[in-house]
PDB file of N, CA and C in Angstrom:
ATOM      1  N   MET A   1     116.927 -22.381   6.105  1.00  0.00           N
ATOM      2  CA  MET A   1     118.370 -22.220   6.047  1.00  0.00           C
ATOM      3  C   MET A   1     118.756 -20.763   6.330  1.00  0.00           C
ATOM      4  N   LYS A   2     117.996 -19.815   5.730  1.00  0.00           N
ATOM      5  CA  LYS A   2     118.302 -18.398   5.949  1.00  0.00           C
ATOM      6  C   LYS A   2     118.129 -18.033   7.418  1.00  0.00           C
ATOM      7  N   CYS A   3     117.098 -18.591   8.048  1.00  0.00           N
ATOM      8  CA  CYS A   3     116.849 -18.314   9.460  1.00  0.00           C
ATOM      9  C   CYS A   3     117.996 -18.845  10.312  1.00  0.00           C
ATOM     10  N   PHE A   4     118.448 -20.050  10.023  1.00  0.00           N
ATOM     11  CA  PHE A   4     119.564 -20.639  10.763  1.00  0.00           C
ATOM     12  C   PHE A   4     120.818 -19.778  10.597  1.00  0.00           C
ATOM     13  N   LEU A   5     121.085 -19.353   9.369  1.00  0.00           N
ATOM     14  CA  LEU A   5     122.258 -18.518   9.100  1.00  0.00           C
ATOM     15  C   LEU A   5     122.154 -17.192   9.859  1.00  0.00           C
ATOM     16  N   ALA A   6     120.964 -16.606   9.900  1.00  0.00           N
ATOM     17  CA  ALA A   6     120.769 -15.347  10.627  1.00  0.00           C
ATOM     18  C   ALA A   6     121.042 -15.531  12.114  1.00  0.00           C
ATOM     19  N   VAL A   7     120.599 -16.642  12.681  1.00  0.00           N
ATOM     20  CA  VAL A   7     120.828 -16.919  14.101  1.00  0.00           C
ATOM     21  C   VAL A   7     122.311 -17.089  14.374  1.00  0.00           C
ATOM     22  N   VAL A   8     123.014 -17.792  13.487  1.00  0.00           N
ATOM     23  CA  VAL A   8     124.459 -17.986  13.651  1.00  0.00           C
ATOM     24  C   VAL A   8     125.191 -16.649  13.584  1.00  0.00           C
ATOM     25  N   VAL A   9     124.843 -15.814  12.626  1.00  0.00           N
ATOM     26  CA  VAL A   9     125.485 -14.499  12.486  1.00  0.00           C
ATOM     27  C   VAL A   9     125.204 -13.651  13.722  1.00  0.00           C
ATOM     28  N   LEU A  10     123.975 -13.656  14.189  1.00  0.00           N
ATOM     29  CA  LEU A  10     123.628 -12.899  15.388  1.00  0.00           C
ATOM     30  C   LEU A  10     124.432 -13.391  16.582  1.00  0.00           C
ATOM     31  N   GLY A  11     124.563 -14.694  16.726  1.00  0.00           N
ATOM     32  CA  GLY A  11     125.356 -15.251  17.821  1.00  0.00           C
ATOM     33  C   GLY A  11     126.804 -14.815  17.764  1.00  0.00           C
ATOM     34  N   VAL A  12     127.400 -14.812  16.577  1.00  0.00           N
ATOM     35  CA  VAL A  12     128.795 -14.380  16.419  1.00  0.00           C
ATOM     36  C   VAL A  12     128.936 -12.909  16.779  1.00  0.00           C
ATOM     37  N   VAL A  13     127.991 -12.101  16.331  1.00  0.00           N
ATOM     38  CA  VAL A  13     128.036 -10.664  16.647  1.00  0.00           C
ATOM     39  C   VAL A  13     127.927 -10.461  18.150  1.00  0.00           C
ATOM     40  N   LEU A  14     127.007 -11.153  18.785  1.00  0.00           N
ATOM     41  CA  LEU A  14     126.819 -10.986  20.222  1.00  0.00           C
ATOM     42  C   LEU A  14     128.038 -11.457  21.006  1.00  0.00           C
ATOM     43  N   LEU A  15     128.724 -12.467  20.543  1.00  0.00           N
ATOM     44  CA  LEU A  15     129.938 -12.922  21.217  1.00  0.00           C
ATOM     45  C   LEU A  15     131.047 -11.881  21.108  1.00  0.00           C
ATOM     46  N   GLY A  16     131.049 -11.137  20.009  1.00  0.00           N
ATOM     47  CA  GLY A  16     132.072 -10.118  19.806  1.00  0.00           C
ATOM     48  C   GLY A  16     131.801  -8.829  20.553  1.00  0.00           C
ATOM     49  N   VAL A  17     130.601  -8.660  21.044  1.00  0.00           N
ATOM     50  CA  VAL A  17     130.232  -7.435  21.756  1.00  0.00           C
ATOM     51  C   VAL A  17     130.806  -7.485  23.171  1.00  0.00           C
ATOM     52  N   ASN A  18     131.270  -6.344  23.634  1.00  0.00           N
ATOM     53  CA  ASN A  18     131.739  -6.268  25.013  1.00  0.00           C
ATOM     54  C   ASN A  18     130.533  -6.444  25.919  1.00  0.00           C
ATOM     55  N   SER A  19     130.424  -7.595  26.535  1.00  0.00           N
ATOM     56  CA  SER A  19     129.234  -7.904  27.314  1.00  0.00           C
ATOM     57  C   SER A  19     129.404  -7.587  28.795  1.00  0.00           C
ATOM     58  N   LYS A  20     130.297  -6.689  29.111  1.00  0.00           N
ATOM     59  CA  LYS A  20     130.514  -6.296  30.502  1.00  0.00           C
ATOM     60  C   LYS A  20     129.228  -5.699  31.068  1.00  0.00           C
ATOM     61  N   LEU A  21     128.875  -6.143  32.263  1.00  0.00           N
ATOM     62  CA  LEU A  21     127.676  -5.641  32.930  1.00  0.00           C
ATOM     63  C   LEU A  21     127.898  -4.189  33.341  1.00  0.00           C
ATOM     64  N   SER A  22     126.999  -3.311  32.917  1.00  0.00           N
ATOM     65  CA  SER A  22     127.046  -1.898  33.291  1.00  0.00           C
ATOM     66  C   SER A  22     125.722  -1.526  33.925  1.00  0.00           C
ATOM     67  N   SER A  23     125.761  -1.020  35.152  1.00  0.00           N
ATOM     68  CA  SER A  23     124.547  -0.602  35.848  1.00  0.00           C
ATOM     69  C   SER A  23     124.011   0.692  35.255  1.00  0.00           C
ATOM     70  N   PRO A  24     122.690   0.862  35.264  1.00  0.00           N
ATOM     71  CA  PRO A  24     122.103   2.067  34.673  1.00  0.00           C
ATOM     72  C   PRO A  24     122.332   3.323  35.519  1.00  0.00           C
ATOM     73  N   LYS A  25     122.445   4.436  34.819  1.00  0.00           N
ATOM     74  CA  LYS A  25     122.429   5.749  35.458  1.00  0.00           C
ATOM     75  C   LYS A  25     120.998   6.262  35.271  1.00  0.00           C
ATOM     76  N   VAL A  26     120.381   6.727  36.353  1.00  0.00           N
ATOM     77  CA  VAL A  26     118.963   7.088  36.308  1.00  0.00           C
ATOM     78  C   VAL A  26     118.778   8.553  36.687  1.00  0.00           C
ATOM     79  N   GLU A  27     117.985   9.259  35.879  1.00  0.00           N
ATOM     80  CA  GLU A  27     117.612  10.645  36.164  1.00  0.00           C
ATOM     81  C   GLU A  27     116.090  10.716  36.177  1.00  0.00           C
ATOM     82  N   VAL A  28     115.525  11.276  37.254  1.00  0.00           N
ATOM     83  CA  VAL A  28     114.078  11.479  37.358  1.00  0.00           C
ATOM     84  C   VAL A  28     113.849  12.974  37.481  1.00  0.00           C
ATOM     85  N   TYR A  29     113.064  13.519  36.558  1.00  0.00           N
ATOM     86  CA  TYR A  29     112.836  14.962  36.550  1.00  0.00           C
ATOM     87  C   TYR A  29     111.510  15.258  35.862  1.00  0.00           C
ATOM     88  N   SER A  30     111.111  16.511  35.891  1.00  0.00           N
ATOM     89  CA  SER A  30     109.878  16.909  35.210  1.00  0.00           C
ATOM     90  C   SER A  30     110.242  17.847  34.065  1.00  0.00           C
ATOM     91  N   ARG A  31     109.366  17.870  33.066  1.00  0.00           N
ATOM     92  CA  ARG A  31     109.621  18.688  31.874  1.00  0.00           C
ATOM     93  C   ARG A  31     109.743  20.162  32.233  1.00  0.00           C
ATOM     94  N   ASN A  32     108.839  20.608  33.107  1.00  0.00           N
ATOM     95  CA  ASN A  32     108.840  21.999  33.561  1.00  0.00           C
ATOM     96  C   ASN A  32     109.172  22.012  35.047  1.00  0.00           C
ATOM     97  N   PRO A  33     109.510  23.186  35.592  1.00  0.00           N
ATOM     98  CA  PRO A  33     109.759  23.237  37.038  1.00  0.00           C
ATOM     99  C   PRO A  33     108.579  22.621  37.792  1.00  0.00           C
ATOM    100  N   GLY A  34     108.897  21.776  38.781  1.00  0.00           N
ATOM    101  CA  GLY A  34     107.859  21.048  39.512  1.00  0.00           C
ATOM    102  C   GLY A  34     107.134  21.919  40.514  1.00  0.00           C
ATOM    103  N   LYS A  35     105.863  22.156  40.258  1.00  0.00           N
ATOM    104  CA  LYS A  35     105.025  22.933  41.174  1.00  0.00           C
ATOM    105  C   LYS A  35     103.735  22.166  41.401  1.00  0.00           C
ATOM    106  N   TYR A  36     103.315  22.093  42.660  1.00  0.00           N
ATOM    107  CA  TYR A  36     102.084  21.380  42.999  1.00  0.00           C
ATOM    108  C   TYR A  36     100.883  22.005  42.307  1.00  0.00           C
ATOM    109  N   GLY A  37     100.010  21.146  41.789  1.00  0.00           N
ATOM    110  CA  GLY A  37      98.773  21.594  41.159  1.00  0.00           C
ATOM    111  C   GLY A  37      98.917  22.055  39.725  1.00  0.00           C
ATOM    112  N   VAL A  38     100.125  22.034  39.175  1.00  0.00           N
ATOM    113  CA  VAL A  38     100.360  22.491  37.807  1.00  0.00           C
ATOM    114  C   VAL A  38     100.677  21.267  36.923  1.00  0.00           C
ATOM    115  N   PRO A  39      99.891  21.046  35.856  1.00  0.00           N
ATOM    116  CA  PRO A  39     100.151  19.900  34.978  1.00  0.00           C
ATOM    117  C   PRO A  39     101.589  19.904  34.450  1.00  0.00           C
ATOM    118  N   ASN A  40     102.171  18.714  34.330  1.00  0.00           N
ATOM    119  CA  ASN A  40     103.572  18.593  33.960  1.00  0.00           C
ATOM    120  C   ASN A  40     103.774  17.218  33.325  1.00  0.00           C
ATOM    121  N   THR A  41     105.013  16.878  33.055  1.00  0.00           N
ATOM    122  CA  THR A  41     105.374  15.559  32.539  1.00  0.00           C
ATOM    123  C   THR A  41     106.484  14.994  33.404  1.00  0.00           C
ATOM    124  N   LEU A  42     106.283  13.793  33.933  1.00  0.00           N
ATOM    125  CA  LEU A  42     107.289  13.092  34.718  1.00  0.00           C
ATOM    126  C   LEU A  42     108.167  12.302  33.748  1.00  0.00           C
ATOM    127  N   ILE A  43     109.476  12.426  33.898  1.00  0.00           N
ATOM    128  CA  ILE A  43     110.430  11.802  32.984  1.00  0.00           C
ATOM    129  C   ILE A  43     111.418  10.957  33.778  1.00  0.00           C
ATOM    130  N   CYS A  44     111.652   9.747  33.303  1.00  0.00           N
ATOM    131  CA  CYS A  44     112.687   8.890  33.868  1.00  0.00           C
ATOM    132  C   CYS A  44     113.594   8.480  32.712  1.00  0.00           C
ATOM    133  N   HIS A  45     114.837   8.974  32.741  1.00  0.00           N
ATOM    134  CA  HIS A  45     115.815   8.676  31.692  1.00  0.00           C
ATOM    135  C   HIS A  45     116.861   7.738  32.271  1.00  0.00           C
ATOM    136  N   VAL A  46     117.034   6.593  31.639  1.00  0.00           N
ATOM    137  CA  VAL A  46     117.960   5.572  32.097  1.00  0.00           C
ATOM    138  C   VAL A  46     119.007   5.372  31.003  1.00  0.00           C
ATOM    139  N   SER A  47     120.283   5.455  31.381  1.00  0.00           N
ATOM    140  CA  SER A  47     121.341   5.370  30.373  1.00  0.00           C
ATOM    141  C   SER A  47     122.540   4.584  30.889  1.00  0.00           C
ATOM    142  N   GLY A  48     123.438   4.259  29.960  1.00  0.00           N
ATOM    143  CA  GLY A  48     124.713   3.650  30.293  1.00  0.00           C
ATOM    144  C   GLY A  48     124.636   2.210  30.777  1.00  0.00           C
ATOM    145  N   PHE A  49     123.590   1.475  30.427  1.00  0.00           N
ATOM    146  CA  PHE A  49     123.449   0.117  30.945  1.00  0.00           C
ATOM    147  C   PHE A  49     123.697  -0.940  29.866  1.00  0.00           C
ATOM    148  N   HIS A  50     124.112  -2.097  30.322  1.00  0.00           N
ATOM    149  CA  HIS A  50     124.314  -3.258  29.463  1.00  0.00           C
ATOM    150  C   HIS A  50     124.233  -4.483  30.341  1.00  0.00           C
ATOM    151  N   PRO A  51     123.606  -5.519  29.995  1.00  0.00           N
ATOM    152  CA  PRO A  51     122.811  -5.769  28.787  1.00  0.00           C
ATOM    153  C   PRO A  51     121.465  -5.043  28.853  1.00  0.00           C
ATOM    154  N   PRO A  52     120.706  -5.097  27.760  1.00  0.00           N
ATOM    155  CA  PRO A  52     119.456  -4.343  27.686  1.00  0.00           C
ATOM    156  C   PRO A  52     118.258  -5.007  28.355  1.00  0.00           C
ATOM    157  N   ASP A  53     118.481  -5.817  29.358  1.00  0.00           N
ATOM    158  CA  ASP A  53     117.396  -6.455  30.120  1.00  0.00           C
ATOM    159  C   ASP A  53     116.944  -5.470  31.198  1.00  0.00           C
ATOM    160  N   ILE A  54     115.941  -4.639  30.873  1.00  0.00           N
ATOM    161  CA  ILE A  54     115.560  -3.541  31.769  1.00  0.00           C
ATOM    162  C   ILE A  54     114.061  -3.264  31.668  1.00  0.00           C
ATOM    163  N   SER A  55     113.488  -2.765  32.756  1.00  0.00           N
ATOM    164  CA  SER A  55     112.116  -2.255  32.718  1.00  0.00           C
ATOM    165  C   SER A  55     112.049  -1.009  33.598  1.00  0.00           C
ATOM    166  N   ILE A  56     111.180  -0.088  33.204  1.00  0.00           N
ATOM    167  CA  ILE A  56     110.999   1.178  33.914  1.00  0.00           C
ATOM    168  C   ILE A  56     109.513   1.309  34.242  1.00  0.00           C
ATOM    169  N   THR A  57     109.217   1.654  35.497  1.00  0.00           N
ATOM    170  CA  THR A  57     107.831   1.863  35.914  1.00  0.00           C
ATOM    171  C   THR A  57     107.743   3.203  36.634  1.00  0.00           C
ATOM    172  N   LEU A  58     106.789   4.049  36.221  1.00  0.00           N
ATOM    173  CA  LEU A  58     106.555   5.333  36.875  1.00  0.00           C
ATOM    174  C   LEU A  58     105.389   5.178  37.842  1.00  0.00           C
ATOM    175  N   LEU A  59     105.599   5.622  39.088  1.00  0.00           N
ATOM    176  CA  LEU A  59     104.629   5.366  40.153  1.00  0.00           C
ATOM    177  C   LEU A  59     104.218   6.638  40.897  1.00  0.00           C
ATOM    178  N   GLN A  60     102.988   6.645  41.362  1.00  0.00           N
ATOM    179  CA  GLN A  60     102.505   7.659  42.301  1.00  0.00           C
ATOM    180  C   GLN A  60     102.095   6.903  43.552  1.00  0.00           C
ATOM    181  N   ASP A  61     102.750   7.209  44.672  1.00  0.00           N
ATOM    182  CA  ASP A  61     102.480   6.522  45.943  1.00  0.00           C
ATOM    183  C   ASP A  61     102.512   4.998  45.780  1.00  0.00           C
ATOM    184  N   GLY A  62     103.463   4.499  44.975  1.00  0.00           N
ATOM    185  CA  GLY A  62     103.645   3.064  44.803  1.00  0.00           C
ATOM    186  C   GLY A  62     102.722   2.400  43.803  1.00  0.00           C
ATOM    187  N   VAL A  63     101.838   3.175  43.162  1.00  0.00           N
ATOM    188  CA  VAL A  63     100.902   2.635  42.176  1.00  0.00           C
ATOM    189  C   VAL A  63     101.309   3.148  40.791  1.00  0.00           C
ATOM    190  N   GLU A  64     101.368   2.224  39.831  1.00  0.00           N
ATOM    191  CA  GLU A  64     101.780   2.603  38.480  1.00  0.00           C
ATOM    192  C   GLU A  64     100.857   3.685  37.902  1.00  0.00           C
ATOM    193  N   ILE A  65     101.463   4.717  37.326  1.00  0.00           N
ATOM    194  CA  ILE A  65     100.703   5.793  36.679  1.00  0.00           C
ATOM    195  C   ILE A  65     100.310   5.285  35.286  1.00  0.00           C
ATOM    196  N   PRO A  66      99.010   5.365  34.928  1.00  0.00           N
ATOM    197  CA  PRO A  66      98.564   4.807  33.650  1.00  0.00           C
ATOM    198  C   PRO A  66      99.023   5.616  32.432  1.00  0.00           C
ATOM    199  N   ASP A  67      99.069   4.935  31.307  1.00  0.00           N
ATOM    200  CA  ASP A  67      99.323   5.505  29.980  1.00  0.00           C
ATOM    201  C   ASP A  67     100.695   6.173  29.811  1.00  0.00           C
ATOM    202  N   PRO A  68     101.770   5.554  30.294  1.00  0.00           N
ATOM    203  CA  PRO A  68     103.090   6.137  30.042  1.00  0.00           C
ATOM    204  C   PRO A  68     103.503   5.898  28.597  1.00  0.00           C
ATOM    205  N   LYS A  69     104.472   6.673  28.146  1.00  0.00           N
ATOM    206  CA  LYS A  69     105.061   6.494  26.821  1.00  0.00           C
ATOM    207  C   LYS A  69     106.535   6.160  27.029  1.00  0.00           C
ATOM    208  N   GLN A  70     107.055   5.277  26.184  1.00  0.00           N
ATOM    209  CA  GLN A  70     108.449   4.873  26.308  1.00  0.00           C
ATOM    210  C   GLN A  70     109.142   5.045  24.969  1.00  0.00           C
ATOM    211  N   SER A  71     110.373   5.543  25.007  1.00  0.00           N
ATOM    212  CA  SER A  71     111.163   5.679  23.792  1.00  0.00           C
ATOM    213  C   SER A  71     111.596   4.294  23.323  1.00  0.00           C
ATOM    214  N   ASP A  72     112.108   4.230  22.125  1.00  0.00           N
ATOM    215  CA  ASP A  72     112.706   2.990  21.642  1.00  0.00           C
ATOM    216  C   ASP A  72     114.030   2.781  22.357  1.00  0.00           C
ATOM    217  N   LEU A  73     114.367   1.538  22.604  1.00  0.00           N
ATOM    218  CA  LEU A  73     115.655   1.207  23.190  1.00  0.00           C
ATOM    219  C   LEU A  73     116.727   1.562  22.166  1.00  0.00           C
ATOM    220  N   ALA A  74     117.721   2.328  22.595  1.00  0.00           N
ATOM    221  CA  ALA A  74     118.788   2.751  21.698  1.00  0.00           C
ATOM    222  C   ALA A  74     120.132   2.468  22.353  1.00  0.00           C
ATOM    223  N   PHE A  75     121.180   2.416  21.537  1.00  0.00           N
ATOM    224  CA  PHE A  75     122.502   2.156  22.097  1.00  0.00           C
ATOM    225  C   PHE A  75     123.548   3.034  21.434  1.00  0.00           C
ATOM    226  N   GLU A  76     124.639   3.197  22.154  1.00  0.00           N
ATOM    227  CA  GLU A  76     125.780   3.969  21.674  1.00  0.00           C
ATOM    228  C   GLU A  76     126.787   3.009  21.040  1.00  0.00           C
ATOM    229  N   GLN A  77     127.834   3.550  20.465  1.00  0.00           N
ATOM    230  CA  GLN A  77     128.861   2.732  19.839  1.00  0.00           C
ATOM    231  C   GLN A  77     129.497   1.769  20.842  1.00  0.00           C
ATOM    232  N   SER A  78     129.497   2.136  22.126  1.00  0.00           N
ATOM    233  CA  SER A  78     130.078   1.307  23.178  1.00  0.00           C
ATOM    234  C   SER A  78     129.159   0.162  23.598  1.00  0.00           C
ATOM    235  N   TRP A  79     127.994   0.033  22.973  1.00  0.00           N
ATOM    236  CA  TRP A  79     126.989  -0.965  23.304  1.00  0.00           C
ATOM    237  C   TRP A  79     126.366  -0.730  24.671  1.00  0.00           C
ATOM    238  N   GLN A  80     126.416   0.510  25.150  1.00  0.00           N
ATOM    239  CA  GLN A  80     125.653   0.872  26.341  1.00  0.00           C
ATOM    240  C   GLN A  80     124.336   1.450  25.853  1.00  0.00           C
ATOM    241  N   PHE A  81     123.270   1.060  26.519  1.00  0.00           N
ATOM    242  CA  PHE A  81     121.930   1.394  26.058  1.00  0.00           C
ATOM    243  C   PHE A  81     121.337   2.567  26.834  1.00  0.00           C
ATOM    244  N   HIS A  82     120.271   3.175  26.261  1.00  0.00           N
ATOM    245  CA  HIS A  82     119.511   4.202  26.969  1.00  0.00           C
ATOM    246  C   HIS A  82     118.042   4.102  26.581  1.00  0.00           C
ATOM    247  N   LEU A  83     117.196   4.530  27.529  1.00  0.00           N
ATOM    248  CA  LEU A  83     115.758   4.406  27.388  1.00  0.00           C
ATOM    249  C   LEU A  83     115.107   5.494  28.243  1.00  0.00           C
ATOM    250  N   THR A  84     114.003   6.049  27.760  1.00  0.00           N
ATOM    251  CA  THR A  84     113.291   7.092  28.504  1.00  0.00           C
ATOM    252  C   THR A  84     111.808   6.743  28.571  1.00  0.00           C
ATOM    253  N   LYS A  85     111.218   6.956  29.757  1.00  0.00           N
ATOM    254  CA  LYS A  85     109.778   6.751  29.930  1.00  0.00           C
ATOM    255  C   LYS A  85     109.197   8.042  30.493  1.00  0.00           C
ATOM    256  N   THR A  86     108.034   8.452  29.961  1.00  0.00           N
ATOM    257  CA  THR A  86     107.385   9.693  30.397  1.00  0.00           C
ATOM    258  C   THR A  86     105.896   9.448  30.618  1.00  0.00           C
ATOM    259  N   VAL A  87     105.316  10.326  31.449  1.00  0.00           N
ATOM    260  CA  VAL A  87     103.871  10.264  31.663  1.00  0.00           C
ATOM    261  C   VAL A  87     103.393  11.652  32.125  1.00  0.00           C
ATOM    262  N   PRO A  88     102.237  12.105  31.615  1.00  0.00           N
ATOM    263  CA  PRO A  88     101.683  13.359  32.133  1.00  0.00           C
ATOM    264  C   PRO A  88     101.264  13.163  33.596  1.00  0.00           C
ATOM    265  N   PHE A  89     101.479  14.194  34.412  1.00  0.00           N
ATOM    266  CA  PHE A  89     101.041  14.134  35.809  1.00  0.00           C
ATOM    267  C   PHE A  89     100.866  15.545  36.336  1.00  0.00           C
ATOM    268  N   THR A  90     100.077  15.661  37.376  1.00  0.00           N
ATOM    269  CA  THR A  90      99.918  16.927  38.082  1.00  0.00           C
ATOM    270  C   THR A  90     100.327  16.656  39.519  1.00  0.00           C
ATOM    271  N   PRO A  91     101.495  17.164  39.920  1.00  0.00           N
ATOM    272  CA  PRO A  91     101.978  16.883  41.278  1.00  0.00           C
ATOM    273  C   PRO A  91     101.010  17.378  42.350  1.00  0.00           C
ATOM    274  N   VAL A  92     100.848  16.552  43.375  1.00  0.00           N
ATOM    275  CA  VAL A  92      99.989  16.876  44.507  1.00  0.00           C
ATOM    276  C   VAL A  92     100.850  16.833  45.766  1.00  0.00           C
ATOM    277  N   ASP A  93     100.744  17.855  46.594  1.00  0.00           N
ATOM    278  CA  ASP A  93     101.498  17.906  47.851  1.00  0.00           C
ATOM    279  C   ASP A  93     101.157  16.678  48.697  1.00  0.00           C
ATOM    280  N   GLY A  94     102.168  16.030  49.244  1.00  0.00           N
ATOM    281  CA  GLY A  94     101.963  14.857  50.081  1.00  0.00           C
ATOM    282  C   GLY A  94     102.026  13.538  49.323  1.00  0.00           C
ATOM    283  N   LYS A  95     102.029  13.574  47.998  1.00  0.00           N
ATOM    284  CA  LYS A  95     102.139  12.365  47.187  1.00  0.00           C
ATOM    285  C   LYS A  95     103.606  12.188  46.781  1.00  0.00           C
ATOM    286  N   SER A  96     104.016  10.933  46.572  1.00  0.00           N
ATOM    287  CA  SER A  96     105.382  10.683  46.102  1.00  0.00           C
ATOM    288  C   SER A  96     105.326  10.173  44.664  1.00  0.00           C
ATOM    289  N   TYR A  97     106.309  10.595  43.884  1.00  0.00           N
ATOM    290  CA  TYR A  97     106.412  10.218  42.474  1.00  0.00           C
ATOM    291  C   TYR A  97     107.778   9.579  42.286  1.00  0.00           C
ATOM    292  N   THR A  98     107.769   8.338  41.813  1.00  0.00           N
ATOM    293  CA  THR A  98     109.018   7.598  41.718  1.00  0.00           C
ATOM    294  C   THR A  98     109.147   6.876  40.390  1.00  0.00           C
ATOM    295  N   CYS A  99     110.385   6.507  40.115  1.00  0.00           N
ATOM    296  CA  CYS A  99     110.727   5.718  38.940  1.00  0.00           C
ATOM    297  C   CYS A  99     111.378   4.439  39.453  1.00  0.00           C
ATOM    298  N   LYS A 100     110.752   3.299  39.170  1.00  0.00           N
ATOM    299  CA  LYS A 100     111.309   2.008  39.581  1.00  0.00           C
ATOM    300  C   LYS A 100     111.995   1.393  38.364  1.00  0.00           C
ATOM    301  N   VAL A 101     113.284   1.074  38.533  1.00  0.00           N
ATOM    302  CA  VAL A 101     114.073   0.520  37.440  1.00  0.00           C
ATOM    303  C   VAL A 101     114.536  -0.881  37.827  1.00  0.00           C
ATOM    304  N   ARG A 102     114.208  -1.841  36.961  1.00  0.00           N
ATOM    305  CA  ARG A 102     114.712  -3.197  37.132  1.00  0.00           C
ATOM    306  C   ARG A 102     115.724  -3.459  36.024  1.00  0.00           C
ATOM    307  N   HIS A 103     116.973  -3.702  36.415  1.00  0.00           N
ATOM    308  CA  HIS A 103     118.018  -4.075  35.453  1.00  0.00           C
ATOM    309  C   HIS A 103     118.549  -5.433  35.868  1.00  0.00           C
ATOM    310  N   MET A 104     118.337  -6.422  35.006  1.00  0.00           N
ATOM    311  CA  MET A 104     118.655  -7.816  35.322  1.00  0.00           C
ATOM    312  C   MET A 104     117.839  -8.198  36.571  1.00  0.00           C
ATOM    313  N   GLN A 105     118.487  -8.587  37.652  1.00  0.00           N
ATOM    314  CA  GLN A 105     117.741  -8.950  38.864  1.00  0.00           C
ATOM    315  C   GLN A 105     117.724  -7.833  39.902  1.00  0.00           C
ATOM    316  N   THR A 106     118.340  -6.697  39.605  1.00  0.00           N
ATOM    317  CA  THR A 106     118.421  -5.595  40.554  1.00  0.00           C
ATOM    318  C   THR A 106     117.280  -4.606  40.327  1.00  0.00           C
ATOM    319  N   VAL A 107     116.583  -4.252  41.421  1.00  0.00           N
ATOM    320  CA  VAL A 107     115.494  -3.278  41.339  1.00  0.00           C
ATOM    321  C   VAL A 107     115.828  -2.125  42.281  1.00  0.00           C
ATOM    322  N   LYS A 108     115.765  -0.883  41.742  1.00  0.00           N
ATOM    323  CA  LYS A 108     115.992   0.317  42.551  1.00  0.00           C
ATOM    324  C   LYS A 108     114.899   1.325  42.239  1.00  0.00           C
ATOM    325  N   THR A 109     114.579   2.155  43.243  1.00  0.00           N
ATOM    326  CA  THR A 109     113.556   3.178  43.086  1.00  0.00           C
ATOM    327  C   THR A 109     114.197   4.551  43.273  1.00  0.00           C
ATOM    328  N   TYR A 110     113.828   5.488  42.400  1.00  0.00           N
ATOM    329  CA  TYR A 110     114.369   6.849  42.411  1.00  0.00           C
ATOM    330  C   TYR A 110     113.192   7.826  42.531  1.00  0.00           C
ATOM    331  N   THR A 111     113.353   8.855  43.346  1.00  0.00           N
ATOM    332  CA  THR A 111     112.256   9.769  43.670  1.00  0.00           C
ATOM    333  C   THR A 111     112.402  11.099  42.952  1.00  0.00           C
ATOM    334  N   TRP A 112     111.267  11.589  42.432  1.00  0.00           N
ATOM    335  CA  TRP A 112     111.199  12.941  41.849  1.00  0.00           C
ATOM    336  C   TRP A 112     111.018  13.939  42.970  1.00  0.00           C
ATOM    337  N   GLU A 113     111.745  15.040  42.881  1.00  0.00           N
ATOM    338  CA  GLU A 113     111.640  16.111  43.886  1.00  0.00           C
ATOM    339  C   GLU A 113     111.097  17.372  43.213  1.00  0.00           C
ATOM    340  N   PRO A 114     110.041  17.977  43.791  1.00  0.00           N
ATOM    341  CA  PRO A 114     109.496  19.228  43.223  1.00  0.00           C
ATOM    342  C   PRO A 114     110.450  20.388  43.459  1.00  0.00           C
ATOM    343  N   ASP A 115     110.295  21.431  42.671  1.00  0.00           N
ATOM    344  CA  ASP A 115     111.100  22.645  42.810  1.00  0.00           C
ATOM    345  C   ASP A 115     110.398  23.607  43.752  1.00  0.00           C
ATOM    346  N   MET A 116     110.434  23.335  45.029  1.00  0.00           N
ATOM    347  CA  MET A 116     109.729  24.198  45.975  1.00  0.00           C
ATOM    348  C   MET A 116     110.709  24.992  46.782  1.00  0.00           C
TER     349      MET A 116
END
């Protein structure tokens, strides 16, 4: 009975939430100025999206970079969400570093640019 009541309450809350679709704003950057051959952290920060059906993948030359860390999904009072994914990397000249974001059925790729 408690489980059923919890589901009903959750449903009522979700119906009351402004469920307007909001596309994510994406920022791809490095923790320190991007220089080839210098260890750094690749960061992809995604914000302002709703609903929270999203995934973030960090890639080097189209291949997922192993062992990324992801923040907890968080939201603002407006019910727009934000999420950050990071991974250590050492930029190499000639390689591309990207953040692939899937929100609902839309997939877009964003490229990191070194500070050269």
